[in-house]
PDB file of N, CA and C in Angstrom:
ATOM      1  N   UNK A   1      -7.720  23.108 -28.138  1.00  0.00           N
ATOM      2  CA  UNK A   1      -7.476  23.611 -26.713  1.00  0.00           C
ATOM      3  C   UNK A   1      -8.678  23.618 -26.029  1.00  0.00           C
ATOM      4  N   UNK A   2      -8.455  23.323 -24.785  1.00  0.00           N
ATOM      5  CA  UNK A   2      -9.610  22.996 -23.690  1.00  0.00           C
ATOM      6  C   UNK A   2     -10.230  24.364 -23.373  1.00  0.00           C
ATOM      7  N   UNK A   3     -11.545  24.240 -23.316  1.00  0.00           N
ATOM      8  CA  UNK A   3     -12.341  25.520 -22.919  1.00  0.00           C
ATOM      9  C   UNK A   3     -12.422  25.530 -21.522  1.00  0.00           C
ATOM     10  N   UNK A   4     -12.056  26.788 -20.967  1.00  0.00           N
ATOM     11  CA  UNK A   4     -12.072  27.042 -19.529  1.00  0.00           C
ATOM     12  C   UNK A   4     -13.436  26.484 -18.807  1.00  0.00           C
ATOM     13  N   UNK A   5     -13.298  26.014 -17.740  1.00  0.00           N
ATOM     14  CA  UNK A   5     -14.619  25.539 -16.776  1.00  0.00           C
ATOM     15  C   UNK A   5     -15.380  26.800 -16.589  1.00  0.00           C
ATOM     16  N   UNK A   6     -16.649  26.638 -16.821  1.00  0.00           N
ATOM     17  CA  UNK A   6     -17.666  27.961 -16.763  1.00  0.00           C
ATOM     18  C   UNK A   6     -18.452  27.315 -15.413  1.00  0.00           C
ATOM     19  N   UNK A   7     -19.198  28.529 -15.151  1.00  0.00           N
ATOM     20  CA  UNK A   7     -20.086  28.133 -13.845  1.00  0.00           C
ATOM     21  C   UNK A   7     -20.952  27.347 -13.946  1.00  0.00           C
ATOM     22  N   UNK A   8     -21.524  27.142 -15.041  1.00  0.00           N
ATOM     23  CA  UNK A   8     -22.612  26.220 -15.247  1.00  0.00           C
ATOM     24  C   UNK A   8     -22.177  24.570 -14.912  1.00  0.00           C
ATOM     25  N   UNK A   9     -21.066  24.443 -15.559  1.00  0.00           N
ATOM     26  CA  UNK A   9     -20.357  22.973 -15.322  1.00  0.00           C
ATOM     27  C   UNK A   9     -20.176  22.863 -13.909  1.00  0.00           C
ATOM     28  N   UNK A  10     -19.588  23.805 -13.040  1.00  0.00           N
ATOM     29  CA  UNK A  10     -19.253  23.555 -11.520  1.00  0.00           C
ATOM     30  C   UNK A  10     -20.645  23.568 -10.978  1.00  0.00           C
ATOM     31  N   UNK A  11     -21.760  24.319 -11.279  1.00  0.00           N
ATOM     32  CA  UNK A  11     -22.851  24.194 -10.742  1.00  0.00           C
ATOM     33  C   UNK A  11     -23.576  22.760 -10.980  1.00  0.00           C
ATOM     34  N   UNK A  12     -23.501  22.292 -11.968  1.00  0.00           N
ATOM     35  CA  UNK A  12     -23.851  20.706 -12.185  1.00  0.00           C
ATOM     36  C   UNK A  12     -23.141  19.815 -11.225  1.00  0.00           C
ATOM     37  N   UNK A  13     -21.928  19.918 -11.205  1.00  0.00           N
ATOM     38  CA  UNK A  13     -21.147  18.993 -10.446  1.00  0.00           C
ATOM     39  C   UNK A  13     -21.825  19.180  -8.901  1.00  0.00           C
ATOM     40  N   UNK A  14     -21.900  20.432  -8.405  1.00  0.00           N
ATOM     41  CA  UNK A  14     -22.469  20.665  -6.953  1.00  0.00           C
ATOM     42  C   UNK A  14     -23.982  20.034  -6.896  1.00  0.00           C
ATOM     43  N   UNK A  15     -24.528  20.329  -7.907  1.00  0.00           N
ATOM     44  CA  UNK A  15     -25.904  19.982  -7.892  1.00  0.00           C
ATOM     45  C   UNK A  15     -26.011  18.359  -7.810  1.00  0.00           C
ATOM     46  N   UNK A  16     -25.159  17.546  -8.547  1.00  0.00           N
ATOM     47  CA  UNK A  16     -25.165  16.251  -8.433  1.00  0.00           C
ATOM     48  C   UNK A  16     -24.606  15.613  -7.197  1.00  0.00           C
ATOM     49  N   UNK A  17     -23.634  16.288  -6.473  1.00  0.00           N
ATOM     50  CA  UNK A  17     -23.014  15.790  -5.197  1.00  0.00           C
ATOM     51  C   UNK A  17     -24.276  16.230  -4.168  1.00  0.00           C
ATOM     52  N   UNK A  18     -24.974  17.086  -4.290  1.00  0.00           N
ATOM     53  CA  UNK A  18     -25.764  17.541  -3.334  1.00  0.00           C
ATOM     54  C   UNK A  18     -26.940  16.582  -3.287  1.00  0.00           C
ATOM     55  N   UNK A  19     -27.478  16.140  -4.540  1.00  0.00           N
ATOM     56  CA  UNK A  19     -28.384  15.206  -4.820  1.00  0.00           C
ATOM     57  C   UNK A  19     -27.966  13.904  -4.257  1.00  0.00           C
ATOM     58  N   UNK A  20     -26.842  13.528  -4.552  1.00  0.00           N
ATOM     59  CA  UNK A  20     -26.290  12.194  -4.094  1.00  0.00           C
ATOM     60  C   UNK A  20     -26.169  12.224  -2.554  1.00  0.00           C
ATOM     61  N   UNK A  21     -25.801  13.301  -1.924  1.00  0.00           N
ATOM     62  CA  UNK A  21     -25.807  13.161  -0.430  1.00  0.00           C
ATOM     63  C   UNK A  21     -27.148  13.291   0.117  1.00  0.00           C
ATOM     64  N   UNK A  22     -28.104  13.935  -0.276  1.00  0.00           N
ATOM     65  CA  UNK A  22     -29.480  13.891   0.127  1.00  0.00           C
ATOM     66  C   UNK A  22     -29.996  12.292  -0.002  1.00  0.00           C
ATOM     67  N   UNK A  23     -29.709  11.792  -1.147  1.00  0.00           N
ATOM     68  CA  UNK A  23     -30.265  10.463  -1.339  1.00  0.00           C
ATOM     69  C   UNK A  23     -29.685   9.465  -0.278  1.00  0.00           C
ATOM     70  N   UNK A  24     -28.378   9.810  -0.014  1.00  0.00           N
ATOM     71  CA  UNK A  24     -27.553   8.845   0.867  1.00  0.00           C
ATOM     72  C   UNK A  24     -28.236   9.129   2.271  1.00  0.00           C
ATOM     73  N   UNK A  25     -28.569  10.363   2.589  1.00  0.00           N
ATOM     74  CA  UNK A  25     -29.083  10.404   4.108  1.00  0.00           C
ATOM     75  C   UNK A  25     -30.535   9.951   4.109  1.00  0.00           C
ATOM     76  N   UNK A  26     -31.131   9.993   2.966  1.00  0.00           N
ATOM     77  CA  UNK A  26     -32.625   9.335   3.177  1.00  0.00           C
ATOM     78  C   UNK A  26     -32.525   8.053   3.211  1.00  0.00           C
ATOM     79  N   UNK A  27     -31.536   7.350   2.596  1.00  0.00           N
ATOM     80  CA  UNK A  27     -31.342   5.874   2.756  1.00  0.00           C
ATOM     81  C   UNK A  27     -31.019   5.544   4.099  1.00  0.00           C
ATOM     82  N   UNK A  28     -29.914   6.458   4.641  1.00  0.00           N
ATOM     83  CA  UNK A  28     -29.132   5.992   6.073  1.00  0.00           C
ATOM     84  C   UNK A  28     -30.440   6.130   7.028  1.00  0.00           C
ATOM     85  N   UNK A  29     -31.390   7.204   6.877  1.00  0.00           N
ATOM     86  CA  UNK A  29     -32.380   7.167   7.827  1.00  0.00           C
ATOM     87  C   UNK A  29     -33.641   5.990   7.766  1.00  0.00           C
ATOM     88  N   UNK A  30     -33.465   5.527   6.451  1.00  0.00           N
ATOM     89  CA  UNK A  30     -34.624   4.470   6.425  1.00  0.00           C
ATOM     90  C   UNK A  30     -33.902   2.950   7.133  1.00  0.00           C
ATOM     91  N   UNK A  31     -34.725   2.235   7.545  1.00  0.00           N
ATOM     92  CA  UNK A  31     -34.303   1.271   8.430  1.00  0.00           C
ATOM     93  C   UNK A  31     -34.490  -0.241   7.600  1.00  0.00           C
ATOM     94  N   UNK A  32     -33.988  -0.367   6.369  1.00  0.00           N
ATOM     95  CA  UNK A  32     -34.108  -1.527   5.616  1.00  0.00           C
ATOM     96  C   UNK A  32     -32.762  -2.238   5.715  1.00  0.00           C
ATOM     97  N   UNK A  33     -32.829  -3.454   5.149  1.00  0.00           N
ATOM     98  CA  UNK A  33     -31.731  -4.433   5.271  1.00  0.00           C
ATOM     99  C   UNK A  33     -30.513  -3.975   4.703  1.00  0.00           C
ATOM    100  N   UNK A  34     -30.523  -3.445   3.482  1.00  0.00           N
ATOM    101  CA  UNK A  34     -29.243  -2.786   2.691  1.00  0.00           C
ATOM    102  C   UNK A  34     -28.600  -1.842   3.708  1.00  0.00           C
ATOM    103  N   UNK A  35     -29.258  -1.018   4.475  1.00  0.00           N
ATOM    104  CA  UNK A  35     -28.472   0.201   5.124  1.00  0.00           C
ATOM    105  C   UNK A  35     -28.070  -0.487   6.479  1.00  0.00           C
ATOM    106  N   UNK A  36     -28.827  -1.549   7.332  1.00  0.00           N
ATOM    107  CA  UNK A  36     -28.248  -2.150   8.330  1.00  0.00           C
ATOM    108  C   UNK A  36     -26.955  -2.814   7.849  1.00  0.00           C
ATOM    109  N   UNK A  37     -26.842  -3.441   6.791  1.00  0.00           N
ATOM    110  CA  UNK A  37     -25.645  -4.472   6.387  1.00  0.00           C
ATOM    111  C   UNK A  37     -24.528  -3.424   6.092  1.00  0.00           C
ATOM    112  N   UNK A  38     -24.966  -2.141   5.496  1.00  0.00           N
ATOM    113  CA  UNK A  38     -23.827  -1.248   5.173  1.00  0.00           C
ATOM    114  C   UNK A  38     -23.441  -0.593   6.345  1.00  0.00           C
ATOM    115  N   UNK A  39     -24.164  -0.384   7.566  1.00  0.00           N
ATOM    116  CA  UNK A  39     -23.669   0.194   8.694  1.00  0.00           C
ATOM    117  C   UNK A  39     -22.820  -0.813   9.425  1.00  0.00           C
ATOM    118  N   UNK A  40     -23.211  -2.056   9.457  1.00  0.00           N
ATOM    119  CA  UNK A  40     -22.513  -3.077  10.111  1.00  0.00           C
ATOM    120  C   UNK A  40     -21.038  -3.088   9.601  1.00  0.00           C
ATOM    121  N   UNK A  41     -20.994  -3.107   8.183  1.00  0.00           N
ATOM    122  CA  UNK A  41     -19.682  -3.257   7.438  1.00  0.00           C
ATOM    123  C   UNK A  41     -18.782  -2.023   7.641  1.00  0.00           C
ATOM    124  N   UNK A  42     -19.483  -0.823   7.634  1.00  0.00           N
ATOM    125  CA  UNK A  42     -18.831   0.359   7.981  1.00  0.00           C
ATOM    126  C   UNK A  42     -18.121   0.534   9.213  1.00  0.00           C
ATOM    127  N   UNK A  43     -18.989  -0.078  10.199  1.00  0.00           N
ATOM    128  CA  UNK A  43     -18.467  -0.060  11.646  1.00  0.00           C
ATOM    129  C   UNK A  43     -17.415  -0.961  11.713  1.00  0.00           C
ATOM    130  N   UNK A  44     -17.616  -2.348  11.024  1.00  0.00           N
ATOM    131  CA  UNK A  44     -16.486  -3.232  11.067  1.00  0.00           C
ATOM    132  C   UNK A  44     -15.182  -2.589  10.405  1.00  0.00           C
ATOM    133  N   UNK A  45     -15.187  -1.883   9.347  1.00  0.00           N
ATOM    134  CA  UNK A  45     -14.085  -1.220   8.697  1.00  0.00           C
ATOM    135  C   UNK A  45     -13.439  -0.169   9.484  1.00  0.00           C
ATOM    136  N   UNK A  46     -14.020   0.425  10.151  1.00  0.00           N
ATOM    137  CA  UNK A  46     -13.791   1.654  11.071  1.00  0.00           C
ATOM    138  C   UNK A  46     -12.905   0.975  12.380  1.00  0.00           C
ATOM    139  N   UNK A  47     -13.592  -0.155  12.873  1.00  0.00           N
ATOM    140  CA  UNK A  47     -13.074  -0.816  14.128  1.00  0.00           C
ATOM    141  C   UNK A  47     -11.624  -1.429  13.613  1.00  0.00           C
ATOM    142  N   UNK A  48     -11.685  -2.145  12.553  1.00  0.00           N
ATOM    143  CA  UNK A  48     -10.492  -2.639  12.064  1.00  0.00           C
ATOM    144  C   UNK A  48      -9.144  -1.736  11.845  1.00  0.00           C
ATOM    145  N   UNK A  49      -9.573  -0.815  11.151  1.00  0.00           N
ATOM    146  CA  UNK A  49      -8.610   0.367  10.921  1.00  0.00           C
ATOM    147  C   UNK A  49      -8.064   0.822  12.317  1.00  0.00           C
ATOM    148  N   UNK A  50      -8.657   1.005  13.109  1.00  0.00           N
ATOM    149  CA  UNK A  50      -8.438   1.521  14.529  1.00  0.00           C
ATOM    150  C   UNK A  50      -7.548   0.361  15.377  1.00  0.00           C
ATOM    151  N   UNK A  51      -7.966  -0.773  15.108  1.00  0.00           N
ATOM    152  CA  UNK A  51      -7.248  -1.658  15.779  1.00  0.00           C
ATOM    153  C   UNK A  51      -5.801  -1.780  15.121  1.00  0.00           C
ATOM    154  N   UNK A  52      -5.935  -1.869  13.940  1.00  0.00           N
ATOM    155  CA  UNK A  52      -4.512  -1.932  13.092  1.00  0.00           C
ATOM    156  C   UNK A  52      -3.531  -0.892  13.710  1.00  0.00           C
ATOM    157  N   UNK A  53      -4.353   0.447  13.571  1.00  0.00           N
ATOM    158  CA  UNK A  53      -3.433   1.649  14.273  1.00  0.00           C
ATOM    159  C   UNK A  53      -2.750   1.445  15.435  1.00  0.00           C
ATOM    160  N   UNK A  54      -3.588   0.942  16.490  1.00  0.00           N
ATOM    161  CA  UNK A  54      -2.994   0.795  17.880  1.00  0.00           C
ATOM    162  C   UNK A  54      -2.113  -0.440  17.807  1.00  0.00           C
ATOM    163  N   UNK A  55      -2.512  -1.519  17.000  1.00  0.00           N
ATOM    164  CA  UNK A  55      -1.505  -2.639  17.084  1.00  0.00           C
ATOM    165  C   UNK A  55      -0.211  -2.146  16.399  1.00  0.00           C
ATOM    166  N   UNK A  56      -0.212  -1.603  15.414  1.00  0.00           N
ATOM    167  CA  UNK A  56       1.001  -1.018  14.813  1.00  0.00           C
ATOM    168  C   UNK A  56       1.833  -0.040  15.855  1.00  0.00           C
ATOM    169  N   UNK A  57       1.041   0.837  16.437  1.00  0.00           N
ATOM    170  CA  UNK A  57       1.581   1.572  17.551  1.00  0.00           C
ATOM    171  C   UNK A  57       2.324   0.978  18.569  1.00  0.00           C
ATOM    172  N   UNK A  58       1.803  -0.353  18.962  1.00  0.00           N
ATOM    173  CA  UNK A  58       2.312  -0.983  20.082  1.00  0.00           C
ATOM    174  C   UNK A  58       3.372  -2.048  19.616  1.00  0.00           C
ATOM    175  N   UNK A  59       3.125  -2.544  18.395  1.00  0.00           N
ATOM    176  CA  UNK A  59       4.062  -3.785  18.187  1.00  0.00           C
ATOM    177  C   UNK A  59       4.979  -3.217  16.891  1.00  0.00           C
ATOM    178  N   UNK A  60       4.736  -1.902  16.556  1.00  0.00           N
ATOM    179  CA  UNK A  60       5.499  -1.637  15.041  1.00  0.00           C
ATOM    180  C   UNK A  60       6.956  -1.694  15.134  1.00  0.00           C
ATOM    181  N   UNK A  61       7.643  -1.177  16.300  1.00  0.00           N
ATOM    182  CA  UNK A  61       9.109  -1.096  16.451  1.00  0.00           C
ATOM    183  C   UNK A  61       9.602  -2.533  16.521  1.00  0.00           C
ATOM    184  N   UNK A  62       8.776  -3.604  17.072  1.00  0.00           N
ATOM    185  CA  UNK A  62       9.204  -4.891  17.304  1.00  0.00           C
ATOM    186  C   UNK A  62       8.994  -5.566  15.834  1.00  0.00           C
ATOM    187  N   UNK A  63       7.968  -5.369  15.030  1.00  0.00           N
ATOM    188  CA  UNK A  63       7.934  -5.898  13.771  1.00  0.00           C
ATOM    189  C   UNK A  63       9.061  -5.320  12.829  1.00  0.00           C
ATOM    190  N   UNK A  64       9.277  -3.959  12.832  1.00  0.00           N
ATOM    191  CA  UNK A  64      10.167  -3.155  11.922  1.00  0.00           C
ATOM    192  C   UNK A  64      11.618  -3.679  12.213  1.00  0.00           C
ATOM    193  N   UNK A  65      12.194  -3.952  13.752  1.00  0.00           N
ATOM    194  CA  UNK A  65      13.363  -4.510  13.894  1.00  0.00           C
ATOM    195  C   UNK A  65      13.642  -6.016  13.615  1.00  0.00           C
ATOM    196  N   UNK A  66      12.576  -6.669  13.284  1.00  0.00           N
ATOM    197  CA  UNK A  66      12.719  -7.979  12.857  1.00  0.00           C
ATOM    198  C   UNK A  66      13.054  -8.083  11.438  1.00  0.00           C
ATOM    199  N   UNK A  67      12.925  -7.056  10.532  1.00  0.00           N
ATOM    200  CA  UNK A  67      13.263  -7.201   9.197  1.00  0.00           C
ATOM    201  C   UNK A  67      14.744  -6.432   8.987  1.00  0.00           C
ATOM    202  N   UNK A  68      15.373  -5.906  10.019  1.00  0.00           N
ATOM    203  CA  UNK A  68      16.516  -5.270   9.686  1.00  0.00           C
ATOM    204  C   UNK A  68      17.595  -6.435  10.327  1.00  0.00           C
ATOM    205  N   UNK A  69      18.570  -6.598   9.358  1.00  0.00           N
ATOM    206  CA  UNK A  69      19.416  -7.714  10.024  1.00  0.00           C
ATOM    207  C   UNK A  69      20.585  -6.996  10.807  1.00  0.00           C
ATOM    208  N   UNK A  70      20.946  -7.715  11.888  1.00  0.00           N
ATOM    209  CA  UNK A  70      21.969  -7.434  12.604  1.00  0.00           C
ATOM    210  C   UNK A  70      23.235  -7.904  12.459  1.00  0.00           C
ATOM    211  N   UNK A  71      24.402  -7.346  12.713  1.00  0.00           N
ATOM    212  CA  UNK A  71      25.466  -7.738  12.483  1.00  0.00           C
ATOM    213  C   UNK A  71      26.465  -6.873  11.357  1.00  0.00           C
ATOM    214  N   UNK A  72      27.570  -7.939  10.893  1.00  0.00           N
ATOM    215  CA  UNK A  72      28.294  -7.127   9.969  1.00  0.00           C
ATOM    216  C   UNK A  72      28.135  -7.753   8.612  1.00  0.00           C
ATOM    217  N   UNK A  73      28.838  -7.091   7.660  1.00  0.00           N
ATOM    218  CA  UNK A  73      28.561  -7.617   6.318  1.00  0.00           C
ATOM    219  C   UNK A  73      27.797  -6.837   5.299  1.00  0.00           C
ATOM    220  N   UNK A  74      27.662  -6.928   4.235  1.00  0.00           N
ATOM    221  CA  UNK A  74      26.807  -6.324   3.056  1.00  0.00           C
ATOM    222  C   UNK A  74      25.433  -6.053   3.416  1.00  0.00           C
ATOM    223  N   UNK A  75      24.637  -7.048   4.063  1.00  0.00           N
ATOM    224  CA  UNK A  75      23.406  -7.022   4.348  1.00  0.00           C
ATOM    225  C   UNK A  75      23.128  -7.355   5.605  1.00  0.00           C
ATOM    226  N   UNK A  76      24.071  -6.862   6.558  1.00  0.00           N
ATOM    227  CA  UNK A  76      23.654  -7.531   7.993  1.00  0.00           C
ATOM    228  C   UNK A  76      24.550  -8.439   8.347  1.00  0.00           C
ATOM    229  N   UNK A  77      23.880  -9.626   8.452  1.00  0.00           N
ATOM    230  CA  UNK A  77      24.437 -10.948   8.833  1.00  0.00           C
ATOM    231  C   UNK A  77      25.153 -11.858   7.700  1.00  0.00           C
ATOM    232  N   UNK A  78      25.110 -11.269   6.546  1.00  0.00           N
ATOM    233  CA  UNK A  78      25.518 -12.141   5.227  1.00  0.00           C
ATOM    234  C   UNK A  78      26.914 -11.669   5.089  1.00  0.00           C
ATOM    235  N   UNK A  79      27.712 -12.519   4.610  1.00  0.00           N
ATOM    236  CA  UNK A  79      28.984 -12.361   4.092  1.00  0.00           C
ATOM    237  C   UNK A  79      29.098 -11.623   2.997  1.00  0.00           C
ATOM    238  N   UNK A  80      30.161 -10.962   2.686  1.00  0.00           N
ATOM    239  CA  UNK A  80      30.419 -10.179   1.382  1.00  0.00           C
ATOM    240  C   UNK A  80      30.453 -11.063   0.156  1.00  0.00           C
ATOM    241  N   UNK A  81      31.167 -12.307   0.440  1.00  0.00           N
ATOM    242  CA  UNK A  81      31.095 -13.228  -0.650  1.00  0.00           C
ATOM    243  C   UNK A  81      30.857 -14.520  -0.412  1.00  0.00           C
ATOM    244  N   UNK A  82      30.184 -15.383  -1.042  1.00  0.00           N
ATOM    245  CA  UNK A  82      29.846 -17.241  -0.390  1.00  0.00           C
ATOM    246  C   UNK A  82      31.358 -17.728  -0.374  1.00  0.00           C
ATOM    247  N   UNK A  83      31.415 -18.296   0.702  1.00  0.00           N
ATOM    248  CA  UNK A  83      32.836 -18.992   1.022  1.00  0.00           C
ATOM    249  C   UNK A  83      33.103 -20.067  -0.006  1.00  0.00           C
ATOM    250  N   UNK A  84      32.343 -20.933  -0.662  1.00  0.00           N
ATOM    251  CA  UNK A  84      32.787 -21.920  -1.573  1.00  0.00           C
ATOM    252  C   UNK A  84      32.848 -21.453  -3.156  1.00  0.00           C
ATOM    253  N   UNK A  85      32.593 -20.156  -3.240  1.00  0.00           N
ATOM    254  CA  UNK A  85      32.840 -19.750  -4.832  1.00  0.00           C
ATOM    255  C   UNK A  85      34.123 -18.701  -4.751  1.00  0.00           C
ATOM    256  N   UNK A  86      34.861 -18.714  -5.726  1.00  0.00           N
ATOM    257  CA  UNK A  86      36.013 -17.903  -5.886  1.00  0.00           C
ATOM    258  C   UNK A  86      35.836 -16.988  -7.148  1.00  0.00           C
ATOM    259  N   UNK A  87      34.785 -16.099  -6.993  1.00  0.00           N
ATOM    260  CA  UNK A  87      34.416 -15.155  -8.154  1.00  0.00           C
ATOM    261  C   UNK A  87      33.630 -15.948  -9.218  1.00  0.00           C
ATOM    262  N   UNK A  88      33.980 -15.495 -10.365  1.00  0.00           N
ATOM    263  CA  UNK A  88      33.311 -16.137 -11.656  1.00  0.00           C
ATOM    264  C   UNK A  88      33.894 -17.663 -11.904  1.00  0.00           C
ATOM    265  N   UNK A  89      33.258 -18.650 -11.486  1.00  0.00           N
ATOM    266  CA  UNK A  89      33.689 -19.905 -11.881  1.00  0.00           C
ATOM    267  C   UNK A  89      33.493 -20.321 -13.371  1.00  0.00           C
ATOM    268  N   UNK A  90      34.682 -20.765 -14.010  1.00  0.00           N
ATOM    269  CA  UNK A  90      34.397 -21.268 -15.292  1.00  0.00           C
ATOM    270  C   UNK A  90      35.126 -22.526 -15.589  1.00  0.00           C
ATOM    271  N   UNK A  91      34.721 -23.292 -16.699  1.00  0.00           N
ATOM    272  CA  UNK A  91      35.258 -24.616 -17.028  1.00  0.00           C
ATOM    273  C   UNK A  91      36.843 -24.293 -17.221  1.00  0.00           C
ATOM    274  N   UNK A  92      37.423 -25.344 -17.133  1.00  0.00           N
ATOM    275  CA  UNK A  92      38.943 -25.379 -17.450  1.00  0.00           C
ATOM    276  C   UNK A  92      39.315 -25.096 -19.004  1.00  0.00           C
ATOM    277  N   UNK A  93      40.087 -24.339 -19.335  1.00  0.00           N
ATOM    278  CA  UNK A  93      40.162 -24.172 -20.954  1.00  0.00           C
ATOM    279  C   UNK A  93      39.379 -23.372 -21.657  1.00  0.00           C
ATOM    280  N   UNK A  94      38.313 -22.843 -21.018  1.00  0.00           N
ATOM    281  CA  UNK A  94      37.367 -21.983 -21.459  1.00  0.00           C
ATOM    282  C   UNK A  94      38.038 -20.579 -21.641  1.00  0.00           C
ATOM    283  N   UNK A  95      37.870 -19.721 -22.715  1.00  0.00           N
ATOM    284  CA  UNK A  95      38.475 -18.394 -22.749  1.00  0.00           C
ATOM    285  C   UNK A  95      37.118 -17.720 -22.297  1.00  0.00           C
ATOM    286  N   UNK A  96      37.930 -16.593 -21.531  1.00  0.00           N
ATOM    287  CA  UNK A  96      36.792 -15.539 -21.066  1.00  0.00           C
ATOM    288  C   UNK A  96      36.484 -14.302 -22.051  1.00  0.00           C
ATOM    289  N   UNK A  97      35.171 -14.060 -22.053  1.00  0.00           N
ATOM    290  CA  UNK A  97      34.816 -13.112 -23.111  1.00  0.00           C
ATOM    291  C   UNK A  97      35.051 -11.741 -22.341  1.00  0.00           C
ATOM    292  N   UNK A  98      35.345 -10.759 -23.362  1.00  0.00           N
ATOM    293  CA  UNK A  98      35.883  -9.408 -22.946  1.00  0.00           C
ATOM    294  C   UNK A  98      35.169  -8.381 -23.571  1.00  0.00           C
ATOM    295  N   UNK A  99      34.962  -7.426 -23.130  1.00  0.00           N
ATOM    296  CA  UNK A  99      33.957  -6.218 -23.527  1.00  0.00           C
ATOM    297  C   UNK A  99      34.964  -5.479 -24.498  1.00  0.00           C
ATOM    298  N   UNK A 100      34.676  -5.391 -25.660  1.00  0.00           N
ATOM    299  CA  UNK A 100      35.398  -4.346 -26.712  1.00  0.00           C
ATOM    300  C   UNK A 100      34.308  -3.186 -26.896  1.00  0.00           C
ATOM    301  N   UNK A 101      35.139  -2.040 -27.033  1.00  0.00           N
ATOM    302  CA  UNK A 101      34.688  -0.885 -27.434  1.00  0.00           C
ATOM    303  C   UNK A 101      34.159  -0.656 -28.879  1.00  0.00           C
TER     304      UNK A 101
END
């Protein structure tokens, strides 16, 4: 049976998170090459997500309408059956298999 989480375990998790955040802030304030590249990539990611959001907001309905077929039939513009097929085609003289319980 699992032991209940005690205060010591939660305290260790909180201390780990706090130390990670303080180390991250110290690295963020340092002006070395790693931090500059990280800042550039982070800003590029944020800019891309914002651009995708606004592009979808502007063109989303147009793109969505392109994927819905217009017209009648089972899938929009497609007919219910293919015109050149007459159901299950079989060779002449071949017996059809039936399902038996």
